[in-house]
PDB file of N, CA and C in Angstrom:
ATOM      1  N   MET A   1      37.452 -22.406  -7.419  1.00  0.00           N
ATOM      2  CA  MET A   1      38.150 -21.920  -6.250  1.00  0.00           C
ATOM      3  C   MET A   1      39.625 -21.555  -6.702  1.00  0.00           C
ATOM      4  N   PHE A   2      40.178 -20.603  -6.217  1.00  0.00           N
ATOM      5  CA  PHE A   2      41.471 -20.290  -6.227  1.00  0.00           C
ATOM      6  C   PHE A   2      42.453 -21.245  -6.056  1.00  0.00           C
ATOM      7  N   ASP A   3      43.192 -21.444  -7.200  1.00  0.00           N
ATOM      8  CA  ASP A   3      44.623 -22.233  -7.250  1.00  0.00           C
ATOM      9  C   ASP A   3      45.771 -21.439  -7.001  1.00  0.00           C
ATOM     10  N   LYS A   4      46.130 -21.513  -5.754  1.00  0.00           N
ATOM     11  CA  LYS A   4      47.291 -21.056  -5.107  1.00  0.00           C
ATOM     12  C   LYS A   4      48.459 -21.261  -5.292  1.00  0.00           C
ATOM     13  N   SER A   5      48.875 -22.567  -5.882  1.00  0.00           N
ATOM     14  CA  SER A   5      49.907 -23.022  -5.998  1.00  0.00           C
ATOM     15  C   SER A   5      50.817 -22.305  -6.180  1.00  0.00           C
ATOM     16  N   GLN A   6      50.853 -21.760  -7.901  1.00  0.00           N
ATOM     17  CA  GLN A   6      51.667 -21.026  -8.734  1.00  0.00           C
ATOM     18  C   GLN A   6      52.157 -19.805  -7.699  1.00  0.00           C
ATOM     19  N   LEU A   7      51.194 -19.139  -7.081  1.00  0.00           N
ATOM     20  CA  LEU A   7      51.305 -17.860  -6.524  1.00  0.00           C
ATOM     21  C   LEU A   7      52.472 -18.247  -5.579  1.00  0.00           C
ATOM     22  N   MET A   8      52.161 -19.299  -4.797  1.00  0.00           N
ATOM     23  CA  MET A   8      52.672 -20.009  -3.711  1.00  0.00           C
ATOM     24  C   MET A   8      54.308 -20.117  -3.516  1.00  0.00           C
ATOM     25  N   ARG A   9      54.347 -20.927  -5.160  1.00  0.00           N
ATOM     26  CA  ARG A   9      55.566 -21.294  -5.295  1.00  0.00           C
ATOM     27  C   ARG A   9      56.451 -20.214  -5.295  1.00  0.00           C
ATOM     28  N   GLY A  10      56.267 -18.993  -6.098  1.00  0.00           N
ATOM     29  CA  GLY A  10      57.202 -17.960  -6.328  1.00  0.00           C
ATOM     30  C   GLY A  10      57.067 -17.394  -5.097  1.00  0.00           C
ATOM     31  N   THR A  11      56.278 -16.949  -4.344  1.00  0.00           N
ATOM     32  CA  THR A  11      56.165 -16.486  -3.015  1.00  0.00           C
ATOM     33  C   THR A  11      57.137 -16.949  -2.123  1.00  0.00           C
ATOM     34  N   LEU A  12      57.064 -18.488  -1.969  1.00  0.00           N
ATOM     35  CA  LEU A  12      58.044 -19.455  -0.996  1.00  0.00           C
ATOM     36  C   LEU A  12      59.621 -19.180  -1.532  1.00  0.00           C
ATOM     37  N   GLU A  13      59.554 -18.969  -2.978  1.00  0.00           N
ATOM     38  CA  GLU A  13      61.186 -18.731  -3.863  1.00  0.00           C
ATOM     39  C   GLU A  13      61.640 -17.620  -2.824  1.00  0.00           C
ATOM     40  N   GLY A  14      60.787 -16.406  -2.810  1.00  0.00           N
ATOM     41  CA  GLY A  14      61.259 -15.406  -2.411  1.00  0.00           C
ATOM     42  C   GLY A  14      61.857 -15.301  -0.787  1.00  0.00           C
ATOM     43  N   CYS A  15      60.704 -15.847  -0.393  1.00  0.00           N
ATOM     44  CA  CYS A  15      61.057 -15.800   1.260  1.00  0.00           C
ATOM     45  C   CYS A  15      62.080 -16.606   1.801  1.00  0.00           C
ATOM     46  N   ILE A  16      62.234 -18.226   0.853  1.00  0.00           N
ATOM     47  CA  ILE A  16      63.089 -19.074   1.426  1.00  0.00           C
ATOM     48  C   ILE A  16      64.819 -18.030   1.031  1.00  0.00           C
ATOM     49  N   LEU A  17      64.750 -17.459  -0.121  1.00  0.00           N
ATOM     50  CA  LEU A  17      65.963 -16.374  -0.429  1.00  0.00           C
ATOM     51  C   LEU A  17      66.051 -15.564   0.706  1.00  0.00           C
ATOM     52  N   LYS A  18      65.266 -14.887   1.089  1.00  0.00           N
ATOM     53  CA  LYS A  18      65.550 -13.966   2.034  1.00  0.00           C
ATOM     54  C   LYS A  18      66.219 -14.496   3.561  1.00  0.00           C
ATOM     55  N   ILE A  19      65.314 -15.722   3.879  1.00  0.00           N
ATOM     56  CA  ILE A  19      65.686 -16.120   4.968  1.00  0.00           C
ATOM     57  C   ILE A  19      67.065 -16.772   5.121  1.00  0.00           C
ATOM     58  N   ILE A  20      67.578 -17.524   3.857  1.00  0.00           N
ATOM     59  CA  ILE A  20      68.870 -17.794   3.831  1.00  0.00           C
ATOM     60  C   ILE A  20      69.831 -16.738   3.390  1.00  0.00           C
ATOM     61  N   SER A  21      69.459 -15.554   3.171  1.00  0.00           N
ATOM     62  CA  SER A  21      70.350 -14.439   3.149  1.00  0.00           C
ATOM     63  C   SER A  21      70.638 -14.072   4.555  1.00  0.00           C
ATOM     64  N   LEU A  22      69.752 -14.301   5.500  1.00  0.00           N
ATOM     65  CA  LEU A  22      69.861 -13.732   6.726  1.00  0.00           C
ATOM     66  C   LEU A  22      71.175 -14.307   7.667  1.00  0.00           C
ATOM     67  N   GLU A  23      70.733 -15.986   7.406  1.00  0.00           N
ATOM     68  CA  GLU A  23      71.867 -17.025   7.838  1.00  0.00           C
ATOM     69  C   GLU A  23      72.224 -18.144   7.321  1.00  0.00           C
ATOM     70  N   VAL A  24      73.048 -18.488   6.975  1.00  0.00           N
ATOM     71  CA  VAL A  24      73.179 -20.047   6.665  1.00  0.00           C
ATOM     72  C   VAL A  24      72.318 -21.168   7.187  1.00  0.00           C
ATOM     73  N   THR A  25      71.667 -21.957   7.176  1.00  0.00           N
ATOM     74  CA  THR A  25      70.678 -22.525   7.802  1.00  0.00           C
ATOM     75  C   THR A  25      70.252 -23.801   6.711  1.00  0.00           C
ATOM     76  N   TYR A  26      69.508 -24.384   7.236  1.00  0.00           N
ATOM     77  CA  TYR A  26      69.327 -25.995   6.662  1.00  0.00           C
ATOM     78  C   TYR A  26      67.824 -26.004   6.425  1.00  0.00           C
ATOM     79  N   GLY A  27      67.361 -27.065   5.786  1.00  0.00           N
ATOM     80  CA  GLY A  27      66.021 -27.103   5.183  1.00  0.00           C
ATOM     81  C   GLY A  27      64.734 -27.283   6.191  1.00  0.00           C
ATOM     82  N   TYR A  28      65.249 -27.946   7.545  1.00  0.00           N
ATOM     83  CA  TYR A  28      63.958 -28.328   8.447  1.00  0.00           C
ATOM     84  C   TYR A  28      63.862 -26.618   9.066  1.00  0.00           C
ATOM     85  N   GLU A  29      65.048 -26.065   9.304  1.00  0.00           N
ATOM     86  CA  GLU A  29      65.182 -24.806   9.736  1.00  0.00           C
ATOM     87  C   GLU A  29      64.378 -23.845   9.138  1.00  0.00           C
ATOM     88  N   ILE A  30      64.558 -23.733   7.967  1.00  0.00           N
ATOM     89  CA  ILE A  30      63.624 -22.905   6.859  1.00  0.00           C
ATOM     90  C   ILE A  30      62.201 -23.212   6.993  1.00  0.00           C
ATOM     91  N   MET A  31      61.750 -24.319   7.070  1.00  0.00           N
ATOM     92  CA  MET A  31      60.411 -24.784   7.222  1.00  0.00           C
ATOM     93  C   MET A  31      59.697 -24.244   8.499  1.00  0.00           C
ATOM     94  N   GLU A  32      60.617 -24.324   9.414  1.00  0.00           N
ATOM     95  CA  GLU A  32      60.080 -23.781  10.684  1.00  0.00           C
ATOM     96  C   GLU A  32      60.089 -22.333  10.804  1.00  0.00           C
ATOM     97  N   LYS A  33      61.272 -21.409  10.204  1.00  0.00           N
ATOM     98  CA  LYS A  33      60.778 -20.087  10.572  1.00  0.00           C
ATOM     99  C   LYS A  33      59.918 -19.834   9.309  1.00  0.00           C
ATOM    100  N   LEU A  34      59.530 -20.459   8.608  1.00  0.00           N
ATOM    101  CA  LEU A  34      58.357 -20.144   7.496  1.00  0.00           C
ATOM    102  C   LEU A  34      57.088 -20.513   8.293  1.00  0.00           C
ATOM    103  N   ALA A  35      56.829 -21.203   9.163  1.00  0.00           N
ATOM    104  CA  ALA A  35      55.724 -21.655  10.036  1.00  0.00           C
ATOM    105  C   ALA A  35      55.643 -20.525  10.789  1.00  0.00           C
ATOM    106  N   VAL A  36      56.846 -20.057  11.536  1.00  0.00           N
ATOM    107  CA  VAL A  36      56.887 -18.811  12.629  1.00  0.00           C
ATOM    108  C   VAL A  36      55.874 -17.916  11.514  1.00  0.00           C
ATOM    109  N   TYR A  37      56.143 -17.577  10.433  1.00  0.00           N
ATOM    110  CA  TYR A  37      55.525 -16.125   9.708  1.00  0.00           C
ATOM    111  C   TYR A  37      54.263 -16.320   9.272  1.00  0.00           C
ATOM    112  N   GLY A  38      53.550 -17.490   9.493  1.00  0.00           N
ATOM    113  CA  GLY A  38      52.479 -17.969   8.834  1.00  0.00           C
ATOM    114  C   GLY A  38      52.191 -18.899   7.664  1.00  0.00           C
ATOM    115  N   PHE A  39      53.431 -19.459   7.618  1.00  0.00           N
ATOM    116  CA  PHE A  39      53.266 -20.698   6.290  1.00  0.00           C
ATOM    117  C   PHE A  39      52.995 -21.736   7.380  1.00  0.00           C
ATOM    118  N   GLU A  40      52.287 -22.182   7.903  1.00  0.00           N
ATOM    119  CA  GLU A  40      52.084 -23.330   8.864  1.00  0.00           C
ATOM    120  C   GLU A  40      51.762 -24.475   7.740  1.00  0.00           C
ATOM    121  N   ASP A  41      51.499 -24.344   6.898  1.00  0.00           N
ATOM    122  CA  ASP A  41      50.767 -25.568   6.036  1.00  0.00           C
ATOM    123  C   ASP A  41      51.973 -26.073   5.358  1.00  0.00           C
ATOM    124  N   VAL A  42      53.100 -25.112   5.294  1.00  0.00           N
ATOM    125  CA  VAL A  42      54.249 -25.782   3.881  1.00  0.00           C
ATOM    126  C   VAL A  42      54.778 -26.915   4.706  1.00  0.00           C
ATOM    127  N   ARG A  43      55.165 -27.872   3.747  1.00  0.00           N
ATOM    128  CA  ARG A  43      55.756 -29.132   4.062  1.00  0.00           C
ATOM    129  C   ARG A  43      57.226 -29.299   3.571  1.00  0.00           C
ATOM    130  N   GLU A  44      57.839 -30.126   3.816  1.00  0.00           N
ATOM    131  CA  GLU A  44      59.270 -30.835   3.707  1.00  0.00           C
ATOM    132  C   GLU A  44      58.852 -30.913   2.162  1.00  0.00           C
ATOM    133  N   GLY A  45      57.865 -31.737   1.775  1.00  0.00           N
ATOM    134  CA  GLY A  45      57.478 -31.973   0.369  1.00  0.00           C
ATOM    135  C   GLY A  45      57.207 -30.980  -0.605  1.00  0.00           C
ATOM    136  N   THR A  46      57.366 -29.584  -0.155  1.00  0.00           N
ATOM    137  CA  THR A  46      57.286 -28.401  -0.466  1.00  0.00           C
ATOM    138  C   THR A  46      58.726 -27.818  -0.580  1.00  0.00           C
ATOM    139  N   ILE A  47      58.823 -27.355   0.580  1.00  0.00           N
ATOM    140  CA  ILE A  47      60.477 -27.100   0.316  1.00  0.00           C
ATOM    141  C   ILE A  47      61.642 -27.658  -0.023  1.00  0.00           C
ATOM    142  N   TYR A  48      61.590 -28.610   0.051  1.00  0.00           N
ATOM    143  CA  TYR A  48      63.210 -29.474  -0.559  1.00  0.00           C
ATOM    144  C   TYR A  48      62.966 -29.461  -1.837  1.00  0.00           C
ATOM    145  N   PRO A  49      61.892 -29.634  -2.941  1.00  0.00           N
ATOM    146  CA  PRO A  49      62.127 -29.231  -4.414  1.00  0.00           C
ATOM    147  C   PRO A  49      62.244 -27.743  -4.532  1.00  0.00           C
ATOM    148  N   LEU A  50      61.933 -26.687  -3.837  1.00  0.00           N
ATOM    149  CA  LEU A  50      62.087 -25.742  -3.999  1.00  0.00           C
ATOM    150  C   LEU A  50      63.451 -25.177  -3.776  1.00  0.00           C
ATOM    151  N   LEU A  51      64.177 -26.006  -2.879  1.00  0.00           N
ATOM    152  CA  LEU A  51      65.654 -25.359  -2.528  1.00  0.00           C
ATOM    153  C   LEU A  51      66.289 -26.154  -3.598  1.00  0.00           C
ATOM    154  N   VAL A  52      66.039 -27.467  -4.355  1.00  0.00           N
ATOM    155  CA  VAL A  52      66.869 -27.849  -5.390  1.00  0.00           C
ATOM    156  C   VAL A  52      66.643 -27.003  -6.710  1.00  0.00           C
ATOM    157  N   ARG A  53      65.566 -26.425  -7.141  1.00  0.00           N
ATOM    158  CA  ARG A  53      65.029 -25.543  -7.816  1.00  0.00           C
ATOM    159  C   ARG A  53      65.959 -24.321  -8.091  1.00  0.00           C
ATOM    160  N   LEU A  54      66.065 -23.709  -6.469  1.00  0.00           N
ATOM    161  CA  LEU A  54      66.721 -22.532  -6.284  1.00  0.00           C
ATOM    162  C   LEU A  54      68.498 -22.841  -6.584  1.00  0.00           C
ATOM    163  N   GLU A  55      68.721 -23.849  -6.137  1.00  0.00           N
ATOM    164  CA  GLU A  55      70.200 -24.287  -6.526  1.00  0.00           C
ATOM    165  C   GLU A  55      70.779 -24.495  -7.979  1.00  0.00           C
ATOM    166  N   LYS A  56      69.771 -25.154  -8.705  1.00  0.00           N
ATOM    167  CA  LYS A  56      69.994 -25.382 -10.006  1.00  0.00           C
ATOM    168  C   LYS A  56      69.766 -24.223 -10.776  1.00  0.00           C
ATOM    169  N   LYS A  57      69.221 -23.004  -9.926  1.00  0.00           N
ATOM    170  CA  LYS A  57      69.122 -21.788 -10.739  1.00  0.00           C
ATOM    171  C   LYS A  57      70.291 -20.924 -10.403  1.00  0.00           C
ATOM    172  N   ASN A  58      71.185 -21.521  -9.356  1.00  0.00           N
ATOM    173  CA  ASN A  58      72.467 -20.889  -9.207  1.00  0.00           C
ATOM    174  C   ASN A  58      72.364 -19.689  -8.116  1.00  0.00           C
ATOM    175  N   LEU A  59      70.829 -19.910  -7.808  1.00  0.00           N
ATOM    176  CA  LEU A  59      70.513 -18.582  -6.659  1.00  0.00           C
ATOM    177  C   LEU A  59      71.226 -19.049  -5.261  1.00  0.00           C
ATOM    178  N   ILE A  60      71.516 -20.281  -4.720  1.00  0.00           N
ATOM    179  CA  ILE A  60      71.847 -20.876  -3.332  1.00  0.00           C
ATOM    180  C   ILE A  60      72.801 -21.926  -3.881  1.00  0.00           C
ATOM    181  N   TYR A  61      73.600 -22.200  -2.674  1.00  0.00           N
ATOM    182  CA  TYR A  61      74.322 -23.408  -3.150  1.00  0.00           C
ATOM    183  C   TYR A  61      74.416 -24.032  -1.648  1.00  0.00           C
ATOM    184  N   SER A  62      74.519 -25.480  -1.487  1.00  0.00           N
ATOM    185  CA  SER A  62      74.854 -25.997  -0.321  1.00  0.00           C
ATOM    186  C   SER A  62      76.230 -26.780  -0.173  1.00  0.00           C
ATOM    187  N   GLU A  63      76.453 -27.240   0.986  1.00  0.00           N
ATOM    188  CA  GLU A  63      77.377 -28.061   1.414  1.00  0.00           C
ATOM    189  C   GLU A  63      76.909 -28.893   3.046  1.00  0.00           C
ATOM    190  N   PHE A  64      77.435 -29.952   2.837  1.00  0.00           N
ATOM    191  CA  PHE A  64      77.171 -30.959   4.182  1.00  0.00           C
ATOM    192  C   PHE A  64      78.035 -30.349   5.553  1.00  0.00           C
ATOM    193  N   ARG A  65      77.722 -30.079   6.341  1.00  0.00           N
ATOM    194  CA  ARG A  65      78.286 -29.605   7.722  1.00  0.00           C
ATOM    195  C   ARG A  65      77.891 -30.587   8.696  1.00  0.00           C
ATOM    196  N   PRO A  66      78.785 -30.992  10.066  1.00  0.00           N
ATOM    197  CA  PRO A  66      78.080 -32.029  11.027  1.00  0.00           C
ATOM    198  C   PRO A  66      77.471 -31.424  11.427  1.00  0.00           C
ATOM    199  N   SER A  67      76.606 -32.023  12.256  1.00  0.00           N
ATOM    200  CA  SER A  67      75.239 -31.607  13.187  1.00  0.00           C
ATOM    201  C   SER A  67      75.820 -32.181  14.599  1.00  0.00           C
ATOM    202  N   PRO A  68      75.292 -31.366  15.345  1.00  0.00           N
ATOM    203  CA  PRO A  68      75.519 -31.572  17.116  1.00  0.00           C
ATOM    204  C   PRO A  68      74.813 -32.574  17.098  1.00  0.00           C
ATOM    205  N   LEU A  69      73.698 -32.829  16.713  1.00  0.00           N
ATOM    206  CA  LEU A  69      72.550 -34.156  17.033  1.00  0.00           C
ATOM    207  C   LEU A  69      72.484 -35.031  16.199  1.00  0.00           C
ATOM    208  N   GLY A  70      73.490 -35.553  15.796  1.00  0.00           N
ATOM    209  CA  GLY A  70      73.338 -36.681  14.668  1.00  0.00           C
ATOM    210  C   GLY A  70      74.360 -36.322  13.399  1.00  0.00           C
ATOM    211  N   PRO A  71      73.664 -36.964  12.429  1.00  0.00           N
ATOM    212  CA  PRO A  71      74.575 -37.098  11.110  1.00  0.00           C
ATOM    213  C   PRO A  71      74.435 -35.566  10.558  1.00  0.00           C
ATOM    214  N   SER A  72      75.409 -35.558   9.297  1.00  0.00           N
ATOM    215  CA  SER A  72      75.586 -34.470   8.872  1.00  0.00           C
ATOM    216  C   SER A  72      74.317 -33.671   8.222  1.00  0.00           C
ATOM    217  N   ARG A  73      74.048 -32.116   8.033  1.00  0.00           N
ATOM    218  CA  ARG A  73      72.912 -31.596   7.685  1.00  0.00           C
ATOM    219  C   ARG A  73      73.564 -30.769   6.284  1.00  0.00           C
ATOM    220  N   LYS A  74      72.817 -30.675   5.430  1.00  0.00           N
ATOM    221  CA  LYS A  74      72.993 -30.026   4.370  1.00  0.00           C
ATOM    222  C   LYS A  74      72.935 -28.395   4.175  1.00  0.00           C
ATOM    223  N   TYR A  75      73.523 -27.526   4.719  1.00  0.00           N
ATOM    224  CA  TYR A  75      73.155 -26.424   4.847  1.00  0.00           C
ATOM    225  C   TYR A  75      73.272 -25.554   3.489  1.00  0.00           C
ATOM    226  N   TYR A  76      72.429 -24.017   3.524  1.00  0.00           N
ATOM    227  CA  TYR A  76      72.443 -23.600   2.153  1.00  0.00           C
ATOM    228  C   TYR A  76      72.615 -22.096   2.512  1.00  0.00           C
ATOM    229  N   PHE A  77      73.438 -21.776   1.392  1.00  0.00           N
ATOM    230  CA  PHE A  77      73.629 -20.153   1.205  1.00  0.00           C
ATOM    231  C   PHE A  77      73.560 -19.403   0.151  1.00  0.00           C
ATOM    232  N   ILE A  78      73.322 -18.116   0.190  1.00  0.00           N
ATOM    233  CA  ILE A  78      73.017 -17.663  -0.710  1.00  0.00           C
ATOM    234  C   ILE A  78      74.406 -17.092  -1.853  1.00  0.00           C
ATOM    235  N   THR A  79      74.003 -17.311  -3.156  1.00  0.00           N
ATOM    236  CA  THR A  79      74.685 -16.652  -4.147  1.00  0.00           C
ATOM    237  C   THR A  79      74.836 -15.108  -4.472  1.00  0.00           C
ATOM    238  N   ASP A  80      75.579 -14.788  -5.327  1.00  0.00           N
ATOM    239  CA  ASP A  80      75.552 -13.185  -5.261  1.00  0.00           C
ATOM    240  C   ASP A  80      74.474 -13.054  -6.619  1.00  0.00           C
ATOM    241  N   GLU A  81      73.963 -13.983  -7.250  1.00  0.00           N
ATOM    242  CA  GLU A  81      73.029 -14.269  -8.178  1.00  0.00           C
ATOM    243  C   GLU A  81      71.683 -14.287  -7.250  1.00  0.00           C
ATOM    244  N   GLY A  82      71.614 -14.868  -6.340  1.00  0.00           N
ATOM    245  CA  GLY A  82      70.784 -14.906  -5.597  1.00  0.00           C
ATOM    246  C   GLY A  82      70.291 -13.966  -4.732  1.00  0.00           C
ATOM    247  N   VAL A  83      71.220 -12.699  -4.122  1.00  0.00           N
ATOM    248  CA  VAL A  83      70.828 -11.586  -3.699  1.00  0.00           C
ATOM    249  C   VAL A  83      70.355 -10.963  -4.760  1.00  0.00           C
ATOM    250  N   GLU A  84      70.607 -10.846  -5.950  1.00  0.00           N
ATOM    251  CA  GLU A  84      69.982  -9.905  -6.933  1.00  0.00           C
ATOM    252  C   GLU A  84      69.012 -10.012  -7.373  1.00  0.00           C
ATOM    253  N   THR A  85      68.177 -11.476  -7.187  1.00  0.00           N
ATOM    254  CA  THR A  85      67.012 -12.132  -7.261  1.00  0.00           C
ATOM    255  C   THR A  85      66.121 -12.076  -6.181  1.00  0.00           C
ATOM    256  N   LEU A  86      67.063 -11.899  -4.931  1.00  0.00           N
ATOM    257  CA  LEU A  86      66.054 -11.563  -3.862  1.00  0.00           C
ATOM    258  C   LEU A  86      65.801  -9.715  -3.862  1.00  0.00           C
ATOM    259  N   ASN A  87      66.636  -8.920  -4.089  1.00  0.00           N
ATOM    260  CA  ASN A  87      66.509  -7.592  -4.334  1.00  0.00           C
ATOM    261  C   ASN A  87      65.269  -7.377  -5.245  1.00  0.00           C
ATOM    262  N   SER A  88      65.372  -8.163  -6.604  1.00  0.00           N
ATOM    263  CA  SER A  88      64.157  -7.877  -7.474  1.00  0.00           C
ATOM    264  C   SER A  88      62.934  -8.432  -6.838  1.00  0.00           C
ATOM    265  N   PHE A  89      63.001  -9.506  -6.387  1.00  0.00           N
ATOM    266  CA  PHE A  89      61.613  -9.810  -5.694  1.00  0.00           C
ATOM    267  C   PHE A  89      60.915  -9.007  -4.699  1.00  0.00           C
ATOM    268  N   GLU A  90      61.968  -8.546  -3.959  1.00  0.00           N
ATOM    269  CA  GLU A  90      61.474  -7.415  -2.782  1.00  0.00           C
ATOM    270  C   GLU A  90      60.664  -6.387  -3.412  1.00  0.00           C
ATOM    271  N   MET A  91      61.500  -5.715  -4.467  1.00  0.00           N
ATOM    272  CA  MET A  91      60.879  -4.619  -5.180  1.00  0.00           C
ATOM    273  C   MET A  91      59.686  -4.841  -5.894  1.00  0.00           C
ATOM    274  N   TYR A  92      59.500  -5.978  -6.643  1.00  0.00           N
ATOM    275  CA  TYR A  92      58.579  -6.329  -7.682  1.00  0.00           C
ATOM    276  C   TYR A  92      57.196  -6.743  -6.345  1.00  0.00           C
ATOM    277  N   TRP A  93      57.303  -7.698  -5.294  1.00  0.00           N
ATOM    278  CA  TRP A  93      56.540  -7.934  -4.715  1.00  0.00           C
ATOM    279  C   TRP A  93      55.959  -6.750  -3.623  1.00  0.00           C
ATOM    280  N   ASN A  94      56.999  -5.884  -3.426  1.00  0.00           N
ATOM    281  CA  ASN A  94      55.857  -4.248  -2.788  1.00  0.00           C
ATOM    282  C   ASN A  94      55.139  -3.631  -3.724  1.00  0.00           C
ATOM    283  N   SER A  95      55.907  -3.705  -4.893  1.00  0.00           N
ATOM    284  CA  SER A  95      54.846  -2.738  -6.014  1.00  0.00           C
ATOM    285  C   SER A  95      53.546  -3.467  -6.296  1.00  0.00           C
ATOM    286  N   VAL A  96      53.665  -4.726  -6.706  1.00  0.00           N
ATOM    287  CA  VAL A  96      52.441  -5.961  -6.807  1.00  0.00           C
ATOM    288  C   VAL A  96      51.419  -5.870  -5.455  1.00  0.00           C
ATOM    289  N   SER A  97      51.860  -6.151  -4.136  1.00  0.00           N
ATOM    290  CA  SER A  97      51.141  -6.217  -3.250  1.00  0.00           C
ATOM    291  C   SER A  97      50.324  -4.959  -3.058  1.00  0.00           C
ATOM    292  N   LYS A  98      51.070  -3.744  -3.304  1.00  0.00           N
ATOM    293  CA  LYS A  98      50.154  -2.294  -3.050  1.00  0.00           C
ATOM    294  C   LYS A  98      49.238  -1.945  -3.989  1.00  0.00           C
ATOM    295  N   SER A  99      49.389  -2.618  -5.144  1.00  0.00           N
ATOM    296  CA  SER A  99      48.457  -2.725  -6.468  1.00  0.00           C
ATOM    297  C   SER A  99      47.572  -3.380  -6.019  1.00  0.00           C
ATOM    298  N   VAL A 100      47.656  -4.778  -5.572  1.00  0.00           N
ATOM    299  CA  VAL A 100      46.570  -5.824  -5.578  1.00  0.00           C
ATOM    300  C   VAL A 100      45.829  -5.343  -4.241  1.00  0.00           C
ATOM    301  N   ASN A 101      46.523  -4.734  -3.123  1.00  0.00           N
ATOM    302  CA  ASN A 101      45.536  -4.219  -1.860  1.00  0.00           C
ATOM    303  C   ASN A 101      44.894  -3.242  -2.324  1.00  0.00           C
ATOM    304  N   LYS A 102      45.142  -1.684  -3.307  1.00  0.00           N
ATOM    305  CA  LYS A 102      44.331  -1.293  -3.639  1.00  0.00           C
ATOM    306  C   LYS A 102      43.282  -1.915  -4.564  1.00  0.00           C
ATOM    307  N   ILE A 103      43.482  -2.638  -5.505  1.00  0.00           N
ATOM    308  CA  ILE A 103      42.180  -3.084  -5.846  1.00  0.00           C
ATOM    309  C   ILE A 103      41.086  -3.677  -5.204  1.00  0.00           C
ATOM    310  N   LEU A 104      41.819  -5.129  -4.279  1.00  0.00           N
ATOM    311  CA  LEU A 104      40.942  -5.503  -3.173  1.00  0.00           C
ATOM    312  C   LEU A 104      39.967  -4.380  -2.494  1.00  0.00           C
ATOM    313  N   ARG A 105      40.361  -3.327  -2.186  1.00  0.00           N
ATOM    314  CA  ARG A 105      39.809  -2.480  -1.065  1.00  0.00           C
ATOM    315  C   ARG A 105      38.407  -1.193  -2.391  1.00  0.00           C
ATOM    316  N   LEU A 106      38.437  -1.619  -3.579  1.00  0.00           N
ATOM    317  CA  LEU A 106      37.471  -1.204  -4.145  1.00  0.00           C
ATOM    318  C   LEU A 106      36.218  -1.175  -3.691  1.00  0.00           C
ATOM    319  N   GLY A 107      35.336  -0.348  -3.500  1.00  0.00           N
ATOM    320  CA  GLY A 107      34.503  -0.162  -3.116  1.00  0.00           C
ATOM    321  C   GLY A 107      34.166  -0.136  -1.777  1.00  0.00           C
ATOM    322  N   GLU A 108      35.442  -0.131  -1.017  1.00  0.00           N
ATOM    323  CA  GLU A 108      35.166   0.364   0.254  1.00  0.00           C
ATOM    324  C   GLU A 108      34.768   1.950   0.793  1.00  0.00           C
ATOM    325  N   ILE A 109      34.165   1.894   2.012  1.00  0.00           N
ATOM    326  CA  ILE A 109      34.365   3.105   2.297  1.00  0.00           C
ATOM    327  C   ILE A 109      35.176   3.873   2.980  1.00  0.00           C
TER     328      ILE A 109
END
């Protein structure tokens, strides 16, 4: 059986960077947006370690802000280095997905 964990981790990092690049957001909201786009199986136990890793790599940073619905939330922002990494991810993803799709279509008429 195909082990999708490594592929999923790198893909999710790129997707999370994209989401954060569009607006300042918090972990649960990131998880909800991923689910809307087809990552329904992604749970908090996956998202939060990825956010910690992205922060350690200086691709994002966070700060606590008051929440209208209770305790403060940790909001995430993308760094300049994160934008550069996202741009690289997008270029690489487009190239790789094009190549993989060509190979997977081998033998089709």
